[in-house]
Amino acid sequence: RRFLLLFWLNIALSAWYAFWFYKGWQPLKERISLLNTFNFAR
């Protein structure tokens, strides 16, 4: 169970990193400056 949790978490973290740069986020980032100045993709 621990192995599977980390296995799927690894995939999820890669997806989070990539989709932080999805263009659909940009309107929200323009309204909340912290989303631009702080890199939550990390």
All heavy atoms as atom14 arrays in JSON, in Angstrom:
{
  "sequence": "RRFLLLFWLNIALSAWYAFWFYKGWQPLKERISLLNTFNFAR",
  "atom14_mask": [
    [1, 1, 1, 1, 1, 1, 1, 1, 1, 1, 1, 0, 0, 0],
    [1, 1, 1, 1, 1, 1, 1, 1, 1, 1, 1, 0, 0, 0],
    [1, 1, 1, 1, 1, 1, 1, 1, 1, 1, 1, 0, 0, 0],
    [1, 1, 1, 1, 1, 1, 1, 1, 0, 0, 0, 0, 0, 0],
    [1, 1, 1, 1, 1, 1, 1, 1, 0, 0, 0, 0, 0, 0],
    [1, 1, 1, 1, 1, 1, 1, 1, 0, 0, 0, 0, 0, 0],
    [1, 1, 1, 1, 1, 1, 1, 1, 1, 1, 1, 0, 0, 0],
    [1, 1, 1, 1, 1, 1, 1, 1, 1, 1, 1, 1, 1, 1],
    [1, 1, 1, 1, 1, 1, 1, 1, 0, 0, 0, 0, 0, 0],
    [1, 1, 1, 1, 1, 1, 1, 1, 0, 0, 0, 0, 0, 0],
    [1, 1, 1, 1, 1, 1, 1, 1, 0, 0, 0, 0, 0, 0],
    [1, 1, 1, 1, 1, 0, 0, 0, 0, 0, 0, 0, 0, 0],
    [1, 1, 1, 1, 1, 1, 1, 1, 0, 0, 0, 0, 0, 0],
    [1, 1, 1, 1, 1, 1, 0, 0, 0, 0, 0, 0, 0, 0],
    [1, 1, 1, 1, 1, 0, 0, 0, 0, 0, 0, 0, 0, 0],
    [1, 1, 1, 1, 1, 1, 1, 1, 1, 1, 1, 1, 1, 1],
    [1, 1, 1, 1, 1, 1, 1, 1, 1, 1, 1, 1, 0, 0],
    [1, 1, 1, 1, 1, 0, 0, 0, 0, 0, 0, 0, 0, 0],
    [1, 1, 1, 1, 1, 1, 1, 1, 1, 1, 1, 0, 0, 0],
    [1, 1, 1, 1, 1, 1, 1, 1, 1, 1, 1, 1, 1, 1],
    [1, 1, 1, 1, 1, 1, 1, 1, 1, 1, 1, 0, 0, 0],
    [1, 1, 1, 1, 1, 1, 1, 1, 1, 1, 1, 1, 0, 0],
    [1, 1, 1, 1, 1, 1, 1, 1, 1, 0, 0, 0, 0, 0],
    [1, 1, 1, 1, 0, 0, 0, 0, 0, 0, 0, 0, 0, 0],
    [1, 1, 1, 1, 1, 1, 1, 1, 1, 1, 1, 1, 1, 1],
    [1, 1, 1, 1, 1, 1, 1, 1, 1, 0, 0, 0, 0, 0],
    [1, 1, 1, 1, 1, 1, 1, 0, 0, 0, 0, 0, 0, 0],
    [1, 1, 1, 1, 1, 1, 1, 1, 0, 0, 0, 0, 0, 0],
    [1, 1, 1, 1, 1, 1, 1, 1, 1, 0, 0, 0, 0, 0],
    [1, 1, 1, 1, 1, 1, 1, 1, 1, 0, 0, 0, 0, 0],
    [1, 1, 1, 1, 1, 1, 1, 1, 1, 1, 1, 0, 0, 0],
    [1, 1, 1, 1, 1, 1, 1, 1, 0, 0, 0, 0, 0, 0],
    [1, 1, 1, 1, 1, 1, 0, 0, 0, 0, 0, 0, 0, 0],
    [1, 1, 1, 1, 1, 1, 1, 1, 0, 0, 0, 0, 0, 0],
    [1, 1, 1, 1, 1, 1, 1, 1, 0, 0, 0, 0, 0, 0],
    [1, 1, 1, 1, 1, 1, 1, 1, 0, 0, 0, 0, 0, 0],
    [1, 1, 1, 1, 1, 1, 1, 0, 0, 0, 0, 0, 0, 0],
    [1, 1, 1, 1, 1, 1, 1, 1, 1, 1, 1, 0, 0, 0],
    [1, 1, 1, 1, 1, 1, 1, 1, 0, 0, 0, 0, 0, 0],
    [1, 1, 1, 1, 1, 1, 1, 1, 1, 1, 1, 0, 0, 0],
    [1, 1, 1, 1, 1, 0, 0, 0, 0, 0, 0, 0, 0, 0],
    [1, 1, 1, 1, 1, 1, 1, 1, 1, 1, 1, 0, 0, 0]
  ],
  "atom14_positions": [
    [[0.83, -1.21, 0.0], [0.0, 0.0, 0.0], [0.87, 1.27, 0.0], [0.56, 2.24, -0.69], [-0.94, -0.01, 1.21], [-2.06, -1.03, 1.09], [-3.17, -0.76, 2.1], [-2.7, -0.95, 3.47], [-2.75, -2.1, 4.12], [-3.22, -3.19, 3.52], [-2.33, -2.2, 5.38], [0.0, 0.0, 0.0], [0.0, 0.0, 0.0], [0.0, 0.0, 0.0]],
    [[1.95, 1.24, 0.77], [2.86, 2.39, 0.78], [3.53, 2.57, -0.58], [3.69, 3.69, -1.06], [3.92, 2.22, 1.86], [3.4, 2.46, 3.27], [4.51, 2.24, 4.28], [4.12, 2.71, 5.6], [4.91, 2.67, 6.66], [6.15, 2.2, 6.54], [4.49, 3.12, 7.83], [0.0, 0.0, 0.0], [0.0, 0.0, 0.0], [0.0, 0.0, 0.0]],
    [[3.92, 1.45, -1.18], [4.53, 1.53, -2.51], [3.57, 2.17, -3.51], [3.97, 3.06, -4.28], [4.93, 0.13, -3.0], [5.25, 0.09, -4.46], [6.47, 0.55, -4.94], [4.31, -0.38, -5.38], [6.75, 0.54, -6.29], [4.59, -0.4, -6.74], [5.81, 0.06, -7.2], [0.0, 0.0, 0.0], [0.0, 0.0, 0.0], [0.0, 0.0, 0.0]],
    [[2.31, 1.72, -3.53], [1.34, 2.25, -4.48], [1.06, 3.74, -4.22], [0.89, 4.51, -5.16], [0.04, 1.44, -4.42], [0.1, 0.04, -5.03], [-1.19, -0.71, -4.77], [0.39, 0.11, -6.54], [0.0, 0.0, 0.0], [0.0, 0.0, 0.0], [0.0, 0.0, 0.0], [0.0, 0.0, 0.0], [0.0, 0.0, 0.0], [0.0, 0.0, 0.0]],
    [[0.99, 4.13, -2.95], [0.77, 5.54, -2.63], [1.87, 6.4, -3.23], [1.6, 7.43, -3.88], [0.72, 5.71, -1.11], [0.65, 7.17, -0.61], [-0.65, 7.83, -1.05], [0.78, 7.21, 0.91], [0.0, 0.0, 0.0], [0.0, 0.0, 0.0], [0.0, 0.0, 0.0], [0.0, 0.0, 0.0], [0.0, 0.0, 0.0], [0.0, 0.0, 0.0]],
    [[3.13, 5.99, -3.03], [4.24, 6.76, -3.56], [4.31, 6.67, -5.09], [4.69, 7.63, -5.76], [5.55, 6.27, -2.95], [5.71, 6.52, -1.45], [6.94, 5.81, -0.92], [5.8, 8.01, -1.16], [0.0, 0.0, 0.0], [0.0, 0.0, 0.0], [0.0, 0.0, 0.0], [0.0, 0.0, 0.0], [0.0, 0.0, 0.0], [0.0, 0.0, 0.0]],
    [[3.95, 5.53, -5.65], [3.94, 5.34, -7.1], [3.01, 6.34, -7.77], [3.38, 7.01, -8.74], [3.51, 3.9, -7.41], [3.55, 3.54, -8.86], [4.71, 3.05, -9.43], [2.42, 3.7, -9.66], [4.75, 2.71, -10.79], [2.45, 3.37, -11.01], [3.61, 2.87, -11.58], [0.0, 0.0, 0.0], [0.0, 0.0, 0.0], [0.0, 0.0, 0.0]],
    [[1.78, 6.45, -7.24], [0.81, 7.37, -7.83], [1.15, 8.83, -7.49], [0.92, 9.73, -8.29], [-0.6, 7.04, -7.36], [-1.09, 5.71, -7.86], [-1.43, 4.61, -7.13], [-1.28, 5.34, -9.23], [-1.82, 3.58, -7.94], [-1.75, 4.0, -9.24], [-1.11, 5.99, -10.44], [-2.03, 3.31, -10.41], [-1.39, 5.31, -11.63], [-1.85, 3.99, -11.59]],
    [[1.72, 9.07, -6.32], [2.12, 10.42, -5.95], [3.2, 10.93, -6.89], [3.18, 12.11, -7.28], [2.63, 10.44, -4.5], [3.13, 11.79, -3.97], [2.03, 12.85, -4.02], [3.67, 11.65, -2.55], [0.0, 0.0, 0.0], [0.0, 0.0, 0.0], [0.0, 0.0, 0.0], [0.0, 0.0, 0.0], [0.0, 0.0, 0.0], [0.0, 0.0, 0.0]],
    [[4.11, 10.08, -7.27], [5.16, 10.46, -8.22], [4.56, 10.96, -9.53], [4.96, 11.99, -10.07], [6.07, 9.25, -8.46], [7.22, 9.56, -9.41], [7.65, 10.7, -9.55], [7.72, 8.53, -10.06], [0.0, 0.0, 0.0], [0.0, 0.0, 0.0], [0.0, 0.0, 0.0], [0.0, 0.0, 0.0], [0.0, 0.0, 0.0], [0.0, 0.0, 0.0]],
    [[3.59, 10.23, -10.04], [2.91, 10.64, -11.28], [2.14, 11.94, -11.08], [2.19, 12.85, -11.91], [1.97, 9.52, -11.77], [2.79, 8.27, -12.14], [1.13, 9.99, -12.96], [1.95, 7.05, -12.48], [0.0, 0.0, 0.0], [0.0, 0.0, 0.0], [0.0, 0.0, 0.0], [0.0, 0.0, 0.0], [0.0, 0.0, 0.0], [0.0, 0.0, 0.0]],
    [[1.46, 12.04, -9.94], [0.66, 13.24, -9.66], [1.54, 14.49, -9.57], [1.15, 15.57, -10.03], [-0.13, 13.05, -8.36], [0.0, 0.0, 0.0], [0.0, 0.0, 0.0], [0.0, 0.0, 0.0], [0.0, 0.0, 0.0], [0.0, 0.0, 0.0], [0.0, 0.0, 0.0], [0.0, 0.0, 0.0], [0.0, 0.0, 0.0], [0.0, 0.0, 0.0]],
    [[2.72, 14.36, -8.97], [3.61, 15.52, -8.84], [4.11, 15.99, -10.2], [4.25, 17.2, -10.43], [4.79, 15.16, -7.94], [4.46, 15.0, -6.45], [5.66, 14.43, -5.7], [4.03, 16.33, -5.83], [0.0, 0.0, 0.0], [0.0, 0.0, 0.0], [0.0, 0.0, 0.0], [0.0, 0.0, 0.0], [0.0, 0.0, 0.0], [0.0, 0.0, 0.0]],
    [[4.36, 15.06, -11.12], [4.76, 15.44, -12.48], [3.62, 16.15, -13.19], [3.83, 17.13, -13.91], [5.19, 14.2, -13.27], [6.44, 13.74, -12.84], [0.0, 0.0, 0.0], [0.0, 0.0, 0.0], [0.0, 0.0, 0.0], [0.0, 0.0, 0.0], [0.0, 0.0, 0.0], [0.0, 0.0, 0.0], [0.0, 0.0, 0.0], [0.0, 0.0, 0.0]],
    [[2.41, 15.65, -12.99], [1.24, 16.29, -13.61], [1.02, 17.69, -13.04], [0.73, 18.64, -13.77], [0.0, 15.43, -13.41], [0.0, 0.0, 0.0], [0.0, 0.0, 0.0], [0.0, 0.0, 0.0], [0.0, 0.0, 0.0], [0.0, 0.0, 0.0], [0.0, 0.0, 0.0], [0.0, 0.0, 0.0], [0.0, 0.0, 0.0], [0.0, 0.0, 0.0]],
    [[1.16, 17.83, -11.72], [1.0, 19.15, -11.1], [2.02, 20.14, -11.67], [1.67, 21.28, -11.99], [1.15, 19.04, -9.58], [1.18, 20.39, -8.92], [2.26, 21.13, -8.56], [0.03, 21.2, -8.59], [1.89, 22.32, -8.02], [0.52, 22.4, -8.02], [-1.34, 21.01, -8.72], [-0.32, 23.4, -7.58], [-2.18, 22.03, -8.27], [-1.68, 23.2, -7.71]],
    [[3.27, 19.7, -11.76], [4.32, 20.57, -12.32], [3.94, 21.04, -13.72], [4.01, 22.24, -14.03], [5.64, 19.81, -12.37], [6.67, 20.44, -13.28], [7.33, 21.61, -12.92], [6.97, 19.87, -14.52], [8.26, 22.19, -13.77], [7.9, 20.44, -15.37], [8.54, 21.6, -14.99], [9.45, 22.19, -15.83], [0.0, 0.0, 0.0], [0.0, 0.0, 0.0]],
    [[3.54, 20.11, -14.58], [3.24, 20.47, -15.96], [2.01, 21.36, -16.08], [2.02, 22.37, -16.79], [3.05, 19.19, -16.79], [0.0, 0.0, 0.0], [0.0, 0.0, 0.0], [0.0, 0.0, 0.0], [0.0, 0.0, 0.0], [0.0, 0.0, 0.0], [0.0, 0.0, 0.0], [0.0, 0.0, 0.0], [0.0, 0.0, 0.0], [0.0, 0.0, 0.0]],
    [[0.95, 21.02, -15.35], [-0.3, 21.75, -15.52], [-0.32, 23.09, -14.77], [-1.25, 23.87, -14.94], [-1.49, 20.87, -15.11], [-1.91, 19.94, -16.2], [-1.33, 18.68, -16.32], [-2.86, 20.32, -17.13], [-1.71, 17.83, -17.34], [-3.25, 19.48, -18.16], [-2.67, 18.22, -18.26], [0.0, 0.0, 0.0], [0.0, 0.0, 0.0], [0.0, 0.0, 0.0]],
    [[0.71, 23.36, -13.96], [0.82, 24.7, -13.4], [1.04, 25.73, -14.5], [0.71, 26.9, -14.34], [1.97, 24.76, -12.38], [2.1, 26.1, -11.73], [3.07, 27.04, -11.95], [1.2, 26.69, -10.78], [2.85, 28.16, -11.19], [1.7, 27.97, -10.45], [0.02, 26.24, -10.16], [1.07, 28.81, -9.55], [-0.6, 27.09, -9.26], [-0.08, 28.35, -8.96]],
    [[1.56, 25.28, -15.64], [1.83, 26.18, -16.76], [0.71, 26.15, -17.8], [0.85, 26.71, -18.88], [3.17, 25.8, -17.41], [4.31, 25.8, -16.43], [4.9, 24.61, -16.02], [4.78, 26.98, -15.89], [5.93, 24.6, -15.1], [5.81, 26.99, -14.97], [6.39, 25.8, -14.58], [0.0, 0.0, 0.0], [0.0, 0.0, 0.0], [0.0, 0.0, 0.0]],
    [[-0.41, 25.51, -17.46], [-1.58, 25.47, -18.35], [-2.17, 26.88, -18.48], [-2.32, 27.6, -17.5], [-2.61, 24.5, -17.8], [-3.9, 24.44, -18.58], [-3.89, 24.17, -19.94], [-5.12, 24.65, -17.95], [-5.07, 24.11, -20.66], [-6.31, 24.59, -18.66], [-6.28, 24.32, -20.02], [-7.45, 24.28, -20.73], [0.0, 0.0, 0.0], [0.0, 0.0, 0.0]],
    [[-2.51, 27.24, -19.69], [-2.97, 28.61, -19.96], [-4.27, 28.96, -19.26], [-4.59, 30.13, -19.06], [-3.12, 28.83, -21.47], [-4.09, 27.9, -22.16], [-4.04, 28.09, -23.67], [-4.97, 27.15, -24.41], [-4.88, 27.32, -25.88], [0.0, 0.0, 0.0], [0.0, 0.0, 0.0], [0.0, 0.0, 0.0], [0.0, 0.0, 0.0], [0.0, 0.0, 0.0]],
    [[-5.02, 27.93, -18.83], [-6.25, 28.2, -18.12], [-6.06, 28.85, -16.76], [-6.99, 29.45, -16.21], [0.0, 0.0, 0.0], [0.0, 0.0, 0.0], [0.0, 0.0, 0.0], [0.0, 0.0, 0.0], [0.0, 0.0, 0.0], [0.0, 0.0, 0.0], [0.0, 0.0, 0.0], [0.0, 0.0, 0.0], [0.0, 0.0, 0.0], [0.0, 0.0, 0.0]],
    [[-4.84, 28.74, -16.2], [-4.55, 29.36, -14.91], [-4.37, 30.88, -15.02], [-4.48, 31.59, -14.03], [-3.24, 28.79, -14.34], [-3.32, 27.47, -13.65], [-2.94, 26.27, -14.15], [-3.79, 27.21, -12.33], [-3.13, 25.27, -13.22], [-3.66, 25.83, -12.08], [-4.31, 28.02, -11.31], [-4.02, 25.23, -10.88], [-4.67, 27.43, -10.1], [-4.53, 26.05, -9.91]],
    [[-4.01, 31.37, -16.21], [-3.52, 32.75, -16.33], [-4.5, 33.81, -15.82], [-4.08, 34.75, -15.14], [-3.13, 33.05, -17.78], [-2.31, 34.34, -17.94], [-1.08, 34.38, -17.04], [-0.43, 33.37, -16.8], [-0.78, 35.57, -16.51], [0.0, 0.0, 0.0], [0.0, 0.0, 0.0], [0.0, 0.0, 0.0], [0.0, 0.0, 0.0], [0.0, 0.0, 0.0]],
    [[-5.8, 33.71, -16.11], [-6.72, 34.74, -15.57], [-6.66, 34.82, -14.04], [-6.69, 35.92, -13.47], [-8.1, 34.28, -16.05], [-7.82, 33.48, -17.29], [-6.52, 32.78, -17.01], [0.0, 0.0, 0.0], [0.0, 0.0, 0.0], [0.0, 0.0, 0.0], [0.0, 0.0, 0.0], [0.0, 0.0, 0.0], [0.0, 0.0, 0.0], [0.0, 0.0, 0.0]],
    [[-6.56, 33.66, -13.38], [-6.48, 33.65, -11.92], [-5.15, 34.25, -11.45], [-5.1, 35.02, -10.47], [-6.63, 32.22, -11.4], [-6.66, 32.06, -9.87], [-7.85, 32.81, -9.27], [-6.72, 30.57, -9.51], [0.0, 0.0, 0.0], [0.0, 0.0, 0.0], [0.0, 0.0, 0.0], [0.0, 0.0, 0.0], [0.0, 0.0, 0.0], [0.0, 0.0, 0.0]],
    [[-4.07, 33.93, -12.15], [-2.75, 34.47, -11.79], [-2.7, 35.98, -11.96], [-1.99, 36.68, -11.23], [-1.65, 33.8, -12.62], [-1.4, 32.34, -12.25], [-0.26, 31.76, -13.08], [0.02, 30.32, -12.67], [1.14, 29.72, -13.43], [0.0, 0.0, 0.0], [0.0, 0.0, 0.0], [0.0, 0.0, 0.0], [0.0, 0.0, 0.0], [0.0, 0.0, 0.0]],
    [[-3.43, 36.49, -12.92], [-3.46, 37.94, -13.13], [-4.19, 38.65, -11.99], [-3.88, 39.79, -11.65], [-4.12, 38.27, -14.47], [-3.26, 37.9, -15.67], [-3.97, 38.08, -16.99], [-5.18, 38.45, -16.96], [-3.37, 37.84, -18.05], [0.0, 0.0, 0.0], [0.0, 0.0, 0.0], [0.0, 0.0, 0.0], [0.0, 0.0, 0.0], [0.0, 0.0, 0.0]],
    [[-5.16, 37.96, -11.37], [-5.91, 38.56, -10.27], [-5.19, 38.4, -8.93], [-5.31, 39.26, -8.06], [-7.31, 37.93, -10.18], [-8.26, 38.37, -11.28], [-9.7, 38.06, -10.93], [-9.95, 36.64, -10.86], [-10.34, 35.89, -11.9], [-10.49, 36.46, -13.09], [-10.56, 34.61, -11.76], [0.0, 0.0, 0.0], [0.0, 0.0, 0.0], [0.0, 0.0, 0.0]],
    [[-4.46, 37.3, -8.76], [-3.75, 37.03, -7.5], [-2.26, 37.04, -7.79], [-1.7, 36.06, -8.31], [-4.19, 35.68, -6.89], [-5.71, 35.64, -6.71], [-3.48, 35.44, -5.56], [-6.24, 34.29, -6.27], [0.0, 0.0, 0.0], [0.0, 0.0, 0.0], [0.0, 0.0, 0.0], [0.0, 0.0, 0.0], [0.0, 0.0, 0.0], [0.0, 0.0, 0.0]],
    [[-1.59, 38.12, -7.47], [-0.19, 38.3, -7.86], [0.74, 37.25, -7.25], [1.75, 36.88, -7.85], [0.3, 39.7, -7.48], [0.26, 39.87, -6.07], [0.0, 0.0, 0.0], [0.0, 0.0, 0.0], [0.0, 0.0, 0.0], [0.0, 0.0, 0.0], [0.0, 0.0, 0.0], [0.0, 0.0, 0.0], [0.0, 0.0, 0.0], [0.0, 0.0, 0.0]],
    [[0.4, 36.74, -6.05], [1.26, 35.75, -5.4], [1.4, 34.49, -6.25], [2.43, 33.81, -6.2], [0.7, 35.39, -4.02], [1.56, 34.46, -3.16], [2.9, 35.12, -2.84], [0.84, 34.06, -1.89], [0.0, 0.0, 0.0], [0.0, 0.0, 0.0], [0.0, 0.0, 0.0], [0.0, 0.0, 0.0], [0.0, 0.0, 0.0], [0.0, 0.0, 0.0]],
    [[0.4, 34.17, -7.05], [0.47, 33.0, -7.92], [1.5, 33.2, -9.02], [1.96, 32.22, -9.62], [-0.91, 32.69, -8.52], [-2.01, 32.36, -7.53], [-3.32, 32.06, -8.25], [-1.62, 31.17, -6.65], [0.0, 0.0, 0.0], [0.0, 0.0, 0.0], [0.0, 0.0, 0.0], [0.0, 0.0, 0.0], [0.0, 0.0, 0.0], [0.0, 0.0, 0.0]],
    [[1.84, 34.45, -9.32], [2.89, 34.74, -10.29], [4.25, 34.84, -9.62], [5.24, 34.33, -10.12], [2.61, 36.06, -11.01], [2.1, 35.83, -12.43], [2.31, 34.78, -13.01], [1.45, 36.83, -12.98], [0.0, 0.0, 0.0], [0.0, 0.0, 0.0], [0.0, 0.0, 0.0], [0.0, 0.0, 0.0], [0.0, 0.0, 0.0], [0.0, 0.0, 0.0]],
    [[4.29, 35.51, -8.48], [5.57, 35.78, -7.85], [6.13, 34.58, -7.09], [7.33, 34.51, -6.83], [5.45, 36.98, -6.88], [4.41, 36.71, -5.93], [5.1, 38.25, -7.64], [0.0, 0.0, 0.0], [0.0, 0.0, 0.0], [0.0, 0.0, 0.0], [0.0, 0.0, 0.0], [0.0, 0.0, 0.0], [0.0, 0.0, 0.0], [0.0, 0.0, 0.0]],
    [[5.27, 33.62, -6.73], [5.72, 32.41, -6.04], [5.44, 31.21, -6.93], [4.32, 31.06, -7.44], [5.0, 32.26, -4.7], [5.55, 31.18, -3.83], [6.64, 31.42, -3.01], [5.0, 29.91, -3.84], [7.17, 30.41, -2.21], [5.52, 28.89, -3.05], [6.6, 29.15, -2.22], [0.0, 0.0, 0.0], [0.0, 0.0, 0.0], [0.0, 0.0, 0.0]],
    [[6.42, 30.35, -7.11], [6.31, 29.23, -8.04], [5.73, 28.0, -7.34], [6.47, 27.17, -6.79], [7.68, 28.93, -8.64], [7.6, 27.91, -9.76], [6.54, 27.37, -10.06], [8.73, 27.63, -10.37], [0.0, 0.0, 0.0], [0.0, 0.0, 0.0], [0.0, 0.0, 0.0], [0.0, 0.0, 0.0], [0.0, 0.0, 0.0], [0.0, 0.0, 0.0]],
    [[4.42, 27.85, -7.4], [3.78, 26.7, -6.77], [3.98, 25.4, -7.56], [3.63, 24.33, -7.06], [2.28, 26.98, -6.59], [1.97, 27.96, -5.5], [1.83, 29.32, -5.78], [1.86, 27.54, -4.19], [1.56, 30.24, -4.78], [1.59, 28.45, -3.18], [1.44, 29.8, -3.47], [0.0, 0.0, 0.0], [0.0, 0.0, 0.0], [0.0, 0.0, 0.0]],
    [[4.53, 25.49, -8.75], [4.84, 24.27, -9.5], [5.87, 23.43, -8.78], [6.0, 22.22, -9.04], [5.37, 24.63, -10.9], [0.0, 0.0, 0.0], [0.0, 0.0, 0.0], [0.0, 0.0, 0.0], [0.0, 0.0, 0.0], [0.0, 0.0, 0.0], [0.0, 0.0, 0.0], [0.0, 0.0, 0.0], [0.0, 0.0, 0.0], [0.0, 0.0, 0.0]],
    [[6.6, 24.04, -7.84], [7.71, 23.34, -7.19], [7.28, 22.28, -6.18], [8.14, 21.74, -5.47], [8.63, 24.36, -6.53], [9.46, 25.14, -7.53], [10.32, 26.17, -6.88], [11.15, 26.87, -7.84], [11.62, 28.1, -7.67], [11.33, 28.77, -6.56], [12.37, 28.66, -8.59], [0.0, 0.0, 0.0], [0.0, 0.0, 0.0], [0.0, 0.0, 0.0]]
  ]
}
